[in-house]
C-alpha cells in the first residue's frame, strides 16, 4: 500500500513538471530569452569551407568567438578564414571599451584579439578526426563549442548507388559525430562546460524517396544526439548543452533541382541559408534543445508519429513530396554521365 502511495505521489509530481515544461516553453514564445555570450570561447565547426558551415563561422566571429575551422578542402576553408578575419578586423576597429548590447545596453568588453585556426580534416576518417583534435588541443586549448555540420549526399537511387558512396555518406553524416564528440566531450565533462550542436535535417525526422543513404545517416545522427542528450542529463552535467538543428531543404546547392508540387512551392520554398543559420544561432545561444525551420516541420513530424503510413503517403503525393528528389537525382546522373563521356574522349 505504501509503495503504491509513493508511486502515485511521484507520478503526480511528474505531471506537474510536465505541465511546467509546457508553460516555460510557451513563455519563450512570448518573452525572448537573452542570448548567452560566446566571446573568447573556442568553437570548432566541421564543414566550415562552404554552405551553412561558412555562415556559422561568420556568425560566431561576429560574436567574438575563437574559431577553429575544419574542412576537407583547404582552399575553401582558408576562404572562410579570410572572411572571418575581415569580421575580426571590423570588430577590432570598434571601441575596445564598450559595444552595443543585444538589448540596447552598453556592456564593457575586453580588447579584442582576432583568432582563427584552420585545419584540413576528413571527418569521414576516424584517425583524421582524432589526430586533428589533438592538434587543436595543443594549438588552441580546450574546446567550448562543437558544431557538427559537415555533410555529403551521394545523389543516386539506392540500386544505382555504389557501396563506397553509401559508406561515405554514413561516415561523414553520422559516424563522424561519434568521433568528434569522443574527442572533445571528456574535457567538457571534466569542466562541466560545453555545447554540442548537431546540424541534421528534416530528412532525419521524416523521409522521402530516392535518398535512402542520406535519410539513414541523418536519422542516425539524430538518434545519436538524442541518446547523448539523455546521457548528459543522467550524469547531472547541467553545464553542457545540446542543440539539434533540423532545417527543411536549404538553398545551398546541395539538393539542386529538388522540387515539390509547383502550386505548393510558393508556400514552402527552399530556405535561404542565412535565415536558417540566423534561426539556428538564436536557438544555440539560448540553449534551445531543438530547432526546426520552418515551424511546419514540427507539425509534420508530430503527424508522422500517429498517422497510418498510407495516410502519410497520400499527404506526400498531394504535396509532391513523394518524388521531390527525382529531378535532383536526374540532374546528378546526367552530370555524372557527361563527366564520364568527357573522360572517354
C-alpha atoms as a PDB file:
ATOM      1  CA  UNK A   1       0.000   0.000   0.000  1.00  0.00           C
ATOM      2  CA  UNK A   2       2.807   2.361   0.971  1.00  0.00           C
ATOM      3  CA  UNK A   3       4.668   1.667  -2.315  1.00  0.00           C
ATOM      4  CA  UNK A   4       1.520   2.436  -4.296  1.00  0.00           C
ATOM      5  CA  UNK A   5       1.161   5.764  -2.487  1.00  0.00           C
ATOM      6  CA  UNK A   6       4.791   6.643  -3.227  1.00  0.00           C
ATOM      7  CA  UNK A   7       4.378   5.797  -6.914  1.00  0.00           C
ATOM      8  CA  UNK A   8       1.182   7.862  -7.092  1.00  0.00           C
ATOM      9  CA  UNK A   9       2.877  10.830  -5.403  1.00  0.00           C
ATOM     10  CA  UNK A  10       5.859  10.632  -7.760  1.00  0.00           C
ATOM     11  CA  UNK A  11       3.542  10.360 -10.760  1.00  0.00           C
ATOM     12  CA  UNK A  12       1.674  13.467  -9.603  1.00  0.00           C
ATOM     13  CA  UNK A  13       4.983  15.363  -9.313  1.00  0.00           C
ATOM     14  CA  UNK A  14       5.928  14.212 -12.827  1.00  0.00           C
ATOM     15  CA  UNK A  15       2.620  15.543 -14.183  1.00  0.00           C
ATOM     16  CA  UNK A  16       3.296  18.912 -12.549  1.00  0.00           C
ATOM     17  CA  UNK A  17       6.797  19.025 -14.021  1.00  0.00           C
ATOM     18  CA  UNK A  18       5.481  18.162 -17.490  1.00  0.00           C
ATOM     19  CA  UNK A  19       2.884  20.938 -17.254  1.00  0.00           C
ATOM     20  CA  UNK A  20       5.547  23.347 -16.042  1.00  0.00           C
ATOM     21  CA  UNK A  21       7.727  22.395 -19.013  1.00  0.00           C
ATOM     22  CA  UNK A  22       4.834  23.361 -21.318  1.00  0.00           C
ATOM     23  CA  UNK A  23       4.452  26.672 -19.506  1.00  0.00           C
ATOM     24  CA  UNK A  24       8.142  27.573 -19.687  1.00  0.00           C
ATOM     25  CA  UNK A  25       8.334  26.531 -23.343  1.00  0.00           C
ATOM     26  CA  UNK A  26       5.305  28.675 -24.144  1.00  0.00           C
ATOM     27  CA  UNK A  27       6.748  31.609 -22.222  1.00  0.00           C
ATOM     28  CA  UNK A  28       9.767  31.612 -24.519  1.00  0.00           C
ATOM     29  CA  UNK A  29       7.430  32.325 -27.441  1.00  0.00           C
ATOM     30  CA  UNK A  30       6.268  35.469 -25.639  1.00  0.00           C
ATOM     31  CA  UNK A  31       9.429  36.640 -23.902  1.00  0.00           C
ATOM     32  CA  UNK A  32      12.554  36.054 -25.943  1.00  0.00           C
ATOM     33  CA  UNK A  33      15.341  34.544 -23.781  1.00  0.00           C
ATOM     34  CA  UNK A  34      18.568  36.508 -23.526  1.00  0.00           C
ATOM     35  CA  UNK A  35      21.345  35.137 -25.711  1.00  0.00           C
ATOM     36  CA  UNK A  36      24.456  33.944 -23.923  1.00  0.00           C
ATOM     37  CA  UNK A  37      27.881  35.342 -24.702  1.00  0.00           C
ATOM     38  CA  UNK A  38      30.398  33.191 -26.585  1.00  0.00           C
ATOM     39  CA  UNK A  39      33.122  35.847 -26.665  1.00  0.00           C
ATOM     40  CA  UNK A  40      36.541  34.233 -26.305  1.00  0.00           C
ATOM     41  CA  UNK A  41      35.124  30.712 -26.361  1.00  0.00           C
ATOM     42  CA  UNK A  42      36.719  28.151 -28.660  1.00  0.00           C
ATOM     43  CA  UNK A  43      34.296  26.960 -31.316  1.00  0.00           C
ATOM     44  CA  UNK A  44      35.050  24.021 -33.635  1.00  0.00           C
ATOM     45  CA  UNK A  45      32.989  23.946 -36.842  1.00  0.00           C
ATOM     46  CA  UNK A  46      33.210  20.973 -39.184  1.00  0.00           C
ATOM     47  CA  UNK A  47      32.491  21.506 -42.882  1.00  0.00           C
ATOM     48  CA  UNK A  48      33.373  25.190 -42.454  1.00  0.00           C
ATOM     49  CA  UNK A  49      34.566  25.669 -46.034  1.00  0.00           C
ATOM     50  CA  UNK A  50      31.168  26.361 -47.571  1.00  0.00           C
ATOM     51  CA  UNK A  51      27.399  26.434 -47.123  1.00  0.00           C
ATOM     52  CA  UNK A  52      25.998  26.546 -43.618  1.00  0.00           C
ATOM     53  CA  UNK A  53      29.420  25.921 -42.067  1.00  0.00           C
ATOM     54  CA  UNK A  54      30.787  29.145 -43.542  1.00  0.00           C
ATOM     55  CA  UNK A  55      27.743  31.105 -42.362  1.00  0.00           C
ATOM     56  CA  UNK A  56      28.024  29.623 -38.857  1.00  0.00           C
ATOM     57  CA  UNK A  57      31.679  30.687 -38.789  1.00  0.00           C
ATOM     58  CA  UNK A  58      30.768  34.264 -39.705  1.00  0.00           C
ATOM     59  CA  UNK A  59      28.015  34.425 -37.089  1.00  0.00           C
ATOM     60  CA  UNK A  60      30.254  33.123 -34.302  1.00  0.00           C
ATOM     61  CA  UNK A  61      33.013  35.521 -35.424  1.00  0.00           C
ATOM     62  CA  UNK A  62      30.596  38.457 -35.080  1.00  0.00           C
ATOM     63  CA  UNK A  63      30.078  37.315 -31.502  1.00  0.00           C
ATOM     64  CA  UNK A  64      33.844  37.311 -30.888  1.00  0.00           C
ATOM     65  CA  UNK A  65      34.341  33.565 -30.546  1.00  0.00           C
ATOM     66  CA  UNK A  66      37.683  31.911 -31.282  1.00  0.00           C
ATOM     67  CA  UNK A  67      37.101  29.959 -34.495  1.00  0.00           C
ATOM     68  CA  UNK A  68      38.566  26.538 -35.281  1.00  0.00           C
ATOM     69  CA  UNK A  69      37.577  25.655 -38.847  1.00  0.00           C
ATOM     70  CA  UNK A  70      37.676  22.094 -40.165  1.00  0.00           C
ATOM     71  CA  UNK A  71      37.155  21.142 -43.782  1.00  0.00           C
ATOM     72  CA  UNK A  72      38.475  18.597 -46.247  1.00  0.00           C
ATOM     73  CA  UNK A  73      39.058  21.372 -48.809  1.00  0.00           C
ATOM     74  CA  UNK A  74      41.979  23.559 -47.753  1.00  0.00           C
ATOM     75  CA  UNK A  75      41.278  26.344 -50.234  1.00  0.00           C
ATOM     76  CA  UNK A  76      37.619  26.846 -49.348  1.00  0.00           C
ATOM     77  CA  UNK A  77      38.460  26.594 -45.645  1.00  0.00           C
ATOM     78  CA  UNK A  78      41.039  29.371 -45.998  1.00  0.00           C
ATOM     79  CA  UNK A  79      38.471  31.472 -47.861  1.00  0.00           C
ATOM     80  CA  UNK A  80      36.146  31.127 -44.886  1.00  0.00           C
ATOM     81  CA  UNK A  81      39.008  32.031 -42.551  1.00  0.00           C
ATOM     82  CA  UNK A  82      39.677  35.207 -44.520  1.00  0.00           C
ATOM     83  CA  UNK A  83      36.020  36.195 -44.244  1.00  0.00           C
ATOM     84  CA  UNK A  84      36.258  35.602 -40.503  1.00  0.00           C
ATOM     85  CA  UNK A  85      39.419  37.716 -40.270  1.00  0.00           C
ATOM     86  CA  UNK A  86      37.647  40.543 -42.080  1.00  0.00           C
ATOM     87  CA  UNK A  87      34.871  40.419 -39.481  1.00  0.00           C
ATOM     88  CA  UNK A  88      37.500  40.396 -36.736  1.00  0.00           C
ATOM     89  CA  UNK A  89      39.170  43.477 -38.264  1.00  0.00           C
ATOM     90  CA  UNK A  90      35.828  45.291 -38.317  1.00  0.00           C
ATOM     91  CA  UNK A  91      35.231  44.415 -34.678  1.00  0.00           C
ATOM     92  CA  UNK A  92      38.759  45.424 -33.764  1.00  0.00           C
ATOM     93  CA  UNK A  93      38.203  48.842 -35.303  1.00  0.00           C
ATOM     94  CA  UNK A  94      35.336  49.481 -32.911  1.00  0.00           C
ATOM     95  CA  UNK A  95      35.852  50.962 -29.461  1.00  0.00           C
ATOM     96  CA  UNK A  96      37.540  48.314 -27.282  1.00  0.00           C
ATOM     97  CA  UNK A  97      35.907  49.640 -24.119  1.00  0.00           C
ATOM     98  CA  UNK A  98      32.238  49.190 -24.970  1.00  0.00           C
ATOM     99  CA  UNK A  99      29.848  47.794 -27.505  1.00  0.00           C
ATOM    100  CA  UNK A 100      26.114  47.937 -28.109  1.00  0.00           C
ATOM    101  CA  UNK A 101      24.478  45.063 -26.252  1.00  0.00           C
ATOM    102  CA  UNK A 102      21.794  42.773 -27.613  1.00  0.00           C
ATOM    103  CA  UNK A 103      19.119  44.644 -25.652  1.00  0.00           C
ATOM    104  CA  UNK A 104      20.377  48.154 -26.256  1.00  0.00           C
ATOM    105  CA  UNK A 105      22.637  48.485 -23.212  1.00  0.00           C
ATOM    106  CA  UNK A 106      26.340  49.270 -23.212  1.00  0.00           C
ATOM    107  CA  UNK A 107      28.486  46.421 -21.981  1.00  0.00           C
ATOM    108  CA  UNK A 108      32.134  46.623 -21.034  1.00  0.00           C
ATOM    109  CA  UNK A 109      34.296  44.285 -23.108  1.00  0.00           C
ATOM    110  CA  UNK A 110      37.955  43.472 -23.160  1.00  0.00           C
ATOM    111  CA  UNK A 111      40.224  44.476 -26.079  1.00  0.00           C
ATOM    112  CA  UNK A 112      39.577  42.013 -28.874  1.00  0.00           C
ATOM    113  CA  UNK A 113      42.310  39.835 -30.389  1.00  0.00           C
ATOM    114  CA  UNK A 114      41.301  38.125 -33.650  1.00  0.00           C
ATOM    115  CA  UNK A 115      41.888  34.375 -33.606  1.00  0.00           C
ATOM    116  CA  UNK A 116      41.004  31.841 -36.270  1.00  0.00           C
ATOM    117  CA  UNK A 117      42.631  28.467 -36.879  1.00  0.00           C
ATOM    118  CA  UNK A 118      42.196  26.252 -39.927  1.00  0.00           C
ATOM    119  CA  UNK A 119      42.725  22.504 -40.198  1.00  0.00           C
ATOM    120  CA  UNK A 120      42.346  20.128 -43.111  1.00  0.00           C
ATOM    121  CA  UNK A 121      40.371  17.177 -41.766  1.00  0.00           C
ATOM    122  CA  UNK A 122      38.412  14.387 -43.392  1.00  0.00           C
ATOM    123  CA  UNK A 123      35.758  13.746 -40.762  1.00  0.00           C
ATOM    124  CA  UNK A 124      34.862  10.529 -42.593  1.00  0.00           C
ATOM    125  CA  UNK A 125      38.146   9.067 -41.336  1.00  0.00           C
ATOM    126  CA  UNK A 126      38.355   8.334 -37.631  1.00  0.00           C
ATOM    127  CA  UNK A 127      42.157   8.701 -37.493  1.00  0.00           C
ATOM    128  CA  UNK A 128      41.968  12.120 -39.162  1.00  0.00           C
ATOM    129  CA  UNK A 129      39.426  13.336 -36.611  1.00  0.00           C
ATOM    130  CA  UNK A 130      41.407  12.177 -33.602  1.00  0.00           C
ATOM    131  CA  UNK A 131      44.759  13.496 -34.868  1.00  0.00           C
ATOM    132  CA  UNK A 132      43.251  16.874 -35.799  1.00  0.00           C
ATOM    133  CA  UNK A 133      41.521  17.123 -32.422  1.00  0.00           C
ATOM    134  CA  UNK A 134      44.871  16.539 -30.721  1.00  0.00           C
ATOM    135  CA  UNK A 135      46.381  19.384 -32.780  1.00  0.00           C
ATOM    136  CA  UNK A 136      43.533  21.663 -31.720  1.00  0.00           C
ATOM    137  CA  UNK A 137      44.086  20.868 -28.040  1.00  0.00           C
ATOM    138  CA  UNK A 138      47.789  21.545 -28.471  1.00  0.00           C
ATOM    139  CA  UNK A 139      47.464  24.721 -30.568  1.00  0.00           C
ATOM    140  CA  UNK A 140      44.313  26.328 -29.183  1.00  0.00           C
ATOM    141  CA  UNK A 141      43.314  24.666 -25.906  1.00  0.00           C
ATOM    142  CA  UNK A 142      40.025  23.354 -24.570  1.00  0.00           C
ATOM    143  CA  UNK A 143      37.025  23.398 -26.893  1.00  0.00           C
ATOM    144  CA  UNK A 144      33.865  25.080 -25.599  1.00  0.00           C
ATOM    145  CA  UNK A 145      31.557  24.556 -28.566  1.00  0.00           C
ATOM    146  CA  UNK A 146      31.398  21.781 -31.165  1.00  0.00           C
ATOM    147  CA  UNK A 147      29.304  22.363 -34.280  1.00  0.00           C
ATOM    148  CA  UNK A 148      28.941  19.054 -36.134  1.00  0.00           C
ATOM    149  CA  UNK A 149      27.954  20.461 -39.516  1.00  0.00           C
ATOM    150  CA  UNK A 150      29.871  18.540 -42.208  1.00  0.00           C
ATOM    151  CA  UNK A 151      27.639  16.610 -44.585  1.00  0.00           C
ATOM    152  CA  UNK A 152      27.580  14.949 -48.011  1.00  0.00           C
ATOM    153  CA  UNK A 153      24.959  13.472 -50.336  1.00  0.00           C
ATOM    154  CA  UNK A 154      25.553  10.750 -52.939  1.00  0.00           C
ATOM    155  CA  UNK A 155      22.715  11.713 -55.274  1.00  0.00           C
ATOM    156  CA  UNK A 156      21.830   8.215 -56.513  1.00  0.00           C
ATOM    157  CA  UNK A 157      18.865   5.895 -56.263  1.00  0.00           C
ATOM    158  CA  UNK A 158      19.651   3.011 -53.909  1.00  0.00           C
ATOM    159  CA  UNK A 159      20.157   0.344 -56.588  1.00  0.00           C
ATOM    160  CA  UNK A 160      22.331   2.690 -58.650  1.00  0.00           C
ATOM    161  CA  UNK A 161      24.454   3.919 -55.772  1.00  0.00           C
ATOM    162  CA  UNK A 162      27.954   2.423 -55.397  1.00  0.00           C
ATOM    163  CA  UNK A 163      28.542   0.866 -51.991  1.00  0.00           C
ATOM    164  CA  UNK A 164      31.507   3.170 -51.455  1.00  0.00           C
ATOM    165  CA  UNK A 165      29.287   6.257 -51.701  1.00  0.00           C
ATOM    166  CA  UNK A 166      26.754   4.790 -49.282  1.00  0.00           C
ATOM    167  CA  UNK A 167      29.531   4.118 -46.792  1.00  0.00           C
ATOM    168  CA  UNK A 168      30.913   7.624 -47.331  1.00  0.00           C
ATOM    169  CA  UNK A 169      27.527   9.201 -46.603  1.00  0.00           C
ATOM    170  CA  UNK A 170      27.170   7.241 -43.361  1.00  0.00           C
ATOM    171  CA  UNK A 171      30.726   8.003 -42.266  1.00  0.00           C
ATOM    172  CA  UNK A 172      30.558  11.776 -42.814  1.00  0.00           C
ATOM    173  CA  UNK A 173      26.937  12.441 -41.852  1.00  0.00           C
ATOM    174  CA  UNK A 174      26.671  10.095 -38.883  1.00  0.00           C
ATOM    175  CA  UNK A 175      29.791   8.283 -37.707  1.00  0.00           C
ATOM    176  CA  UNK A 176      31.867  11.482 -37.637  1.00  0.00           C
ATOM    177  CA  UNK A 177      29.616  12.808 -34.855  1.00  0.00           C
ATOM    178  CA  UNK A 178      30.715   9.918 -32.658  1.00  0.00           C
ATOM    179  CA  UNK A 179      34.399  10.623 -33.263  1.00  0.00           C
ATOM    180  CA  UNK A 180      34.339  14.409 -32.845  1.00  0.00           C
ATOM    181  CA  UNK A 181      32.261  14.045 -29.683  1.00  0.00           C
ATOM    182  CA  UNK A 182      34.553  11.382 -28.233  1.00  0.00           C
ATOM    183  CA  UNK A 183      37.481  13.696 -28.944  1.00  0.00           C
ATOM    184  CA  UNK A 184      36.110  16.777 -27.149  1.00  0.00           C
ATOM    185  CA  UNK A 185      33.417  15.616 -24.700  1.00  0.00           C
ATOM    186  CA  UNK A 186      35.750  14.251 -21.968  1.00  0.00           C
ATOM    187  CA  UNK A 187      37.135  17.708 -21.189  1.00  0.00           C
ATOM    188  CA  UNK A 188      33.647  19.205 -21.311  1.00  0.00           C
ATOM    189  CA  UNK A 189      32.511  16.645 -18.750  1.00  0.00           C
ATOM    190  CA  UNK A 190      35.529  17.348 -16.575  1.00  0.00           C
ATOM    191  CA  UNK A 191      34.826  21.099 -16.594  1.00  0.00           C
ATOM    192  CA  UNK A 192      31.020  20.732 -16.720  1.00  0.00           C
ATOM    193  CA  UNK A 193      31.028  23.261 -19.521  1.00  0.00           C
ATOM    194  CA  UNK A 194      30.387  22.996 -23.249  1.00  0.00           C
ATOM    195  CA  UNK A 195      27.854  22.977 -26.046  1.00  0.00           C
ATOM    196  CA  UNK A 196      27.424  20.358 -28.773  1.00  0.00           C
ATOM    197  CA  UNK A 197      25.379  21.218 -31.859  1.00  0.00           C
ATOM    198  CA  UNK A 198      24.183  18.588 -34.335  1.00  0.00           C
ATOM    199  CA  UNK A 199      23.267  20.020 -37.723  1.00  0.00           C
ATOM    200  CA  UNK A 200      20.945  17.332 -39.047  1.00  0.00           C
ATOM    201  CA  UNK A 201      17.988  17.726 -41.407  1.00  0.00           C
ATOM    202  CA  UNK A 202      14.228  17.409 -41.594  1.00  0.00           C
ATOM    203  CA  UNK A 203      15.062  14.260 -43.583  1.00  0.00           C
ATOM    204  CA  UNK A 204      16.289  12.823 -40.294  1.00  0.00           C
ATOM    205  CA  UNK A 205      12.778  13.169 -38.881  1.00  0.00           C
ATOM    206  CA  UNK A 206      10.758  12.027 -41.902  1.00  0.00           C
ATOM    207  CA  UNK A 207      11.991  10.655 -45.201  1.00  0.00           C
ATOM    208  CA  UNK A 208      11.324  10.749 -48.932  1.00  0.00           C
ATOM    209  CA  UNK A 209      12.128   8.511 -51.878  1.00  0.00           C
ATOM    210  CA  UNK A 210      15.479   8.320 -53.633  1.00  0.00           C
ATOM    211  CA  UNK A 211      17.861   9.451 -50.882  1.00  0.00           C
ATOM    212  CA  UNK A 212      17.887   6.380 -48.662  1.00  0.00           C
ATOM    213  CA  UNK A 213      21.515   6.722 -47.614  1.00  0.00           C
ATOM    214  CA  UNK A 214      21.166  10.417 -46.740  1.00  0.00           C
ATOM    215  CA  UNK A 215      17.973   9.862 -44.734  1.00  0.00           C
ATOM    216  CA  UNK A 216      19.523   6.915 -42.891  1.00  0.00           C
ATOM    217  CA  UNK A 217      22.605   8.966 -41.999  1.00  0.00           C
ATOM    218  CA  UNK A 218      20.532  11.877 -40.677  1.00  0.00           C
ATOM    219  CA  UNK A 219      18.195   9.558 -38.741  1.00  0.00           C
ATOM    220  CA  UNK A 220      21.355   8.080 -37.217  1.00  0.00           C
ATOM    221  CA  UNK A 221      22.783  11.487 -36.333  1.00  0.00           C
ATOM    222  CA  UNK A 222      19.539  12.472 -34.611  1.00  0.00           C
ATOM    223  CA  UNK A 223      19.400   9.190 -32.711  1.00  0.00           C
ATOM    224  CA  UNK A 224      22.980   9.714 -31.566  1.00  0.00           C
ATOM    225  CA  UNK A 225      22.255  13.281 -30.499  1.00  0.00           C
ATOM    226  CA  UNK A 226      19.133  12.370 -28.519  1.00  0.00           C
ATOM    227  CA  UNK A 227      20.797   9.449 -26.757  1.00  0.00           C
ATOM    228  CA  UNK A 228      23.818  11.591 -25.868  1.00  0.00           C
ATOM    229  CA  UNK A 229      21.487  14.294 -24.545  1.00  0.00           C
ATOM    230  CA  UNK A 230      19.872  11.757 -22.214  1.00  0.00           C
ATOM    231  CA  UNK A 231      23.296  10.501 -21.100  1.00  0.00           C
ATOM    232  CA  UNK A 232      24.446  14.011 -20.217  1.00  0.00           C
ATOM    233  CA  UNK A 233      21.195  14.652 -18.341  1.00  0.00           C
ATOM    234  CA  UNK A 234      21.619  11.362 -16.466  1.00  0.00           C
ATOM    235  CA  UNK A 235      25.137  12.387 -15.426  1.00  0.00           C
ATOM    236  CA  UNK A 236      23.809  15.675 -13.974  1.00  0.00           C
ATOM    237  CA  UNK A 237      26.194  17.757 -16.068  1.00  0.00           C
ATOM    238  CA  UNK A 238      23.939  20.789 -16.346  1.00  0.00           C
ATOM    239  CA  UNK A 239      26.764  22.932 -17.719  1.00  0.00           C
ATOM    240  CA  UNK A 240      26.838  21.006 -21.004  1.00  0.00           C
ATOM    241  CA  UNK A 241      24.172  21.999 -23.504  1.00  0.00           C
ATOM    242  CA  UNK A 242      22.923  20.194 -26.608  1.00  0.00           C
ATOM    243  CA  UNK A 243      21.140  21.676 -29.622  1.00  0.00           C
ATOM    244  CA  UNK A 244      19.680  19.732 -32.546  1.00  0.00           C
ATOM    245  CA  UNK A 245      19.198  21.648 -35.814  1.00  0.00           C
ATOM    246  CA  UNK A 246      16.690  20.191 -38.301  1.00  0.00           C
ATOM    247  CA  UNK A 247      16.113  22.504 -41.261  1.00  0.00           C
ATOM    248  CA  UNK A 248      13.880  21.902 -44.253  1.00  0.00           C
ATOM    249  CA  UNK A 249      15.536  21.996 -47.693  1.00  0.00           C
ATOM    250  CA  UNK A 250      18.200  24.727 -47.630  1.00  0.00           C
ATOM    251  CA  UNK A 251      19.139  26.528 -50.832  1.00  0.00           C
ATOM    252  CA  UNK A 252      22.877  25.784 -50.704  1.00  0.00           C
ATOM    253  CA  UNK A 253      23.004  23.810 -53.962  1.00  0.00           C
ATOM    254  CA  UNK A 254      23.355  20.504 -52.134  1.00  0.00           C
ATOM    255  CA  UNK A 255      19.953  19.361 -53.428  1.00  0.00           C
ATOM    256  CA  UNK A 256      19.811  21.497 -56.544  1.00  0.00           C
ATOM    257  CA  UNK A 257      16.775  20.596 -58.638  1.00  0.00           C
ATOM    258  CA  UNK A 258      14.657  19.228 -55.779  1.00  0.00           C
ATOM    259  CA  UNK A 259      11.052  20.328 -56.350  1.00  0.00           C
ATOM    260  CA  UNK A 260       7.745  19.811 -54.609  1.00  0.00           C
ATOM    261  CA  UNK A 261       4.366  20.488 -56.268  1.00  0.00           C
ATOM    262  CA  UNK A 262       4.552  23.847 -58.074  1.00  0.00           C
ATOM    263  CA  UNK A 263       1.274  25.082 -56.562  1.00  0.00           C
ATOM    264  CA  UNK A 264       2.593  24.349 -53.057  1.00  0.00           C
ATOM    265  CA  UNK A 265       6.169  25.548 -53.546  1.00  0.00           C
ATOM    266  CA  UNK A 266       5.403  29.290 -53.018  1.00  0.00           C
ATOM    267  CA  UNK A 267       4.130  28.409 -49.540  1.00  0.00           C
ATOM    268  CA  UNK A 268       7.076  26.122 -48.723  1.00  0.00           C
ATOM    269  CA  UNK A 269      10.096  27.361 -50.694  1.00  0.00           C
ATOM    270  CA  UNK A 270      13.684  26.258 -50.015  1.00  0.00           C
ATOM    271  CA  UNK A 271      15.153  28.074 -47.034  1.00  0.00           C
ATOM    272  CA  UNK A 272      17.646  30.845 -47.517  1.00  0.00           C
ATOM    273  CA  UNK A 273      20.897  29.702 -45.853  1.00  0.00           C
ATOM    274  CA  UNK A 274      21.198  33.000 -43.982  1.00  0.00           C
ATOM    275  CA  UNK A 275      17.712  32.593 -42.488  1.00  0.00           C
ATOM    276  CA  UNK A 276      18.448  29.011 -41.462  1.00  0.00           C
ATOM    277  CA  UNK A 277      21.667  29.990 -39.684  1.00  0.00           C
ATOM    278  CA  UNK A 278      20.087  33.030 -38.028  1.00  0.00           C
ATOM    279  CA  UNK A 279      17.330  30.861 -36.567  1.00  0.00           C
ATOM    280  CA  UNK A 280      19.845  28.204 -35.545  1.00  0.00           C
ATOM    281  CA  UNK A 281      22.120  30.735 -33.842  1.00  0.00           C
ATOM    282  CA  UNK A 282      19.199  32.067 -31.834  1.00  0.00           C
ATOM    283  CA  UNK A 283      18.454  28.522 -30.651  1.00  0.00           C
ATOM    284  CA  UNK A 284      22.095  27.764 -29.849  1.00  0.00           C
ATOM    285  CA  UNK A 285      22.685  30.980 -27.924  1.00  0.00           C
ATOM    286  CA  UNK A 286      19.525  30.484 -25.835  1.00  0.00           C
ATOM    287  CA  UNK A 287      20.356  26.814 -25.125  1.00  0.00           C
ATOM    288  CA  UNK A 288      17.304  25.580 -27.017  1.00  0.00           C
ATOM    289  CA  UNK A 289      17.275  21.792 -27.243  1.00  0.00           C
ATOM    290  CA  UNK A 290      15.915  21.574 -30.789  1.00  0.00           C
ATOM    291  CA  UNK A 291      15.184  23.931 -33.676  1.00  0.00           C
ATOM    292  CA  UNK A 292      13.180  23.028 -36.789  1.00  0.00           C
ATOM    293  CA  UNK A 293      12.831  25.514 -39.625  1.00  0.00           C
ATOM    294  CA  UNK A 294      10.268  26.353 -40.780  1.00  0.00           C
ATOM    295  CA  UNK A 295       7.919  25.572 -37.896  1.00  0.00           C
ATOM    296  CA  UNK A 296       5.699  23.418 -40.112  1.00  0.00           C
ATOM    297  CA  UNK A 297       8.418  20.739 -39.756  1.00  0.00           C
ATOM    298  CA  UNK A 298       7.331  20.268 -36.123  1.00  0.00           C
ATOM    299  CA  UNK A 299       3.786  19.605 -37.296  1.00  0.00           C
ATOM    300  CA  UNK A 300       4.815  17.124 -39.996  1.00  0.00           C
ATOM    301  CA  UNK A 301       6.998  15.237 -37.525  1.00  0.00           C
ATOM    302  CA  UNK A 302       4.140  15.140 -34.981  1.00  0.00           C
ATOM    303  CA  UNK A 303       1.624  13.894 -37.567  1.00  0.00           C
ATOM    304  CA  UNK A 304       4.017  11.163 -38.673  1.00  0.00           C
ATOM    305  CA  UNK A 305       4.004   9.740 -35.145  1.00  0.00           C
ATOM    306  CA  UNK A 306       0.307   8.789 -35.168  1.00  0.00           C
ATOM    307  CA  UNK A 307      -0.983   8.764 -38.771  1.00  0.00           C
ATOM    308  CA  UNK A 308      -1.192   5.452 -40.673  1.00  0.00           C
ATOM    309  CA  UNK A 309       1.539   5.044 -43.261  1.00  0.00           C
ATOM    310  CA  UNK A 310      -0.949   5.137 -46.157  1.00  0.00           C
ATOM    311  CA  UNK A 311      -2.245   8.467 -44.878  1.00  0.00           C
ATOM    312  CA  UNK A 312       1.284   9.834 -44.925  1.00  0.00           C
ATOM    313  CA  UNK A 313       1.700   8.568 -48.491  1.00  0.00           C
ATOM    314  CA  UNK A 314      -1.476  10.419 -49.509  1.00  0.00           C
ATOM    315  CA  UNK A 315      -0.181  13.653 -47.969  1.00  0.00           C
ATOM    316  CA  UNK A 316       3.216  13.231 -49.646  1.00  0.00           C
ATOM    317  CA  UNK A 317       1.561  12.760 -53.039  1.00  0.00           C
ATOM    318  CA  UNK A 318      -0.645  15.802 -52.538  1.00  0.00           C
ATOM    319  CA  UNK A 319       2.394  17.945 -51.686  1.00  0.00           C
ATOM    320  CA  UNK A 320       4.539  16.416 -54.411  1.00  0.00           C
ATOM    321  CA  UNK A 321       6.992  15.362 -51.721  1.00  0.00           C
ATOM    322  CA  UNK A 322       6.949  11.669 -52.614  1.00  0.00           C
ATOM    323  CA  UNK A 323       9.193  12.171 -55.661  1.00  0.00           C
ATOM    324  CA  UNK A 324      10.593  15.619 -54.887  1.00  0.00           C
ATOM    325  CA  UNK A 325      14.171  14.335 -55.089  1.00  0.00           C
ATOM    326  CA  UNK A 326      13.795  12.755 -58.532  1.00  0.00           C
ATOM    327  CA  UNK A 327      14.696  15.912 -60.540  1.00  0.00           C
ATOM    328  CA  UNK A 328      17.774  16.325 -58.337  1.00  0.00           C
ATOM    329  CA  UNK A 329      18.785  12.697 -58.864  1.00  0.00           C
ATOM    330  CA  UNK A 330      18.262  13.011 -62.622  1.00  0.00           C
ATOM    331  CA  UNK A 331      20.490  16.104 -62.746  1.00  0.00           C
ATOM    332  CA  UNK A 332      23.215  14.344 -60.779  1.00  0.00           C
ATOM    333  CA  UNK A 333      23.013  11.322 -63.087  1.00  0.00           C
ATOM    334  CA  UNK A 334      23.213  13.496 -66.205  1.00  0.00           C
ATOM    335  CA  UNK A 335      26.163  15.401 -64.785  1.00  0.00           C
ATOM    336  CA  UNK A 336      27.970  12.168 -63.948  1.00  0.00           C
ATOM    337  CA  UNK A 337      27.304  10.754 -67.436  1.00  0.00           C
ATOM    338  CA  UNK A 338      28.598  13.946 -69.056  1.00  0.00           C
ATOM    339  CA  UNK A 339      31.751  13.823 -66.974  1.00  0.00           C
ATOM    340  CA  UNK A 340      32.257  10.178 -67.887  1.00  0.00           C
ATOM    341  CA  UNK A 341      31.708  10.985 -71.558  1.00  0.00           C
ATOM    342  CA  UNK A 342      34.289  13.752 -71.423  1.00  0.00           C
ATOM    343  CA  UNK A 343      36.687  11.400 -69.736  1.00  0.00           C
ATOM    344  CA  UNK A 344      36.307   8.924 -72.589  1.00  0.00           C
ATOM    345  CA  UNK A 345      37.197  11.452 -75.278  1.00  0.00           C
END
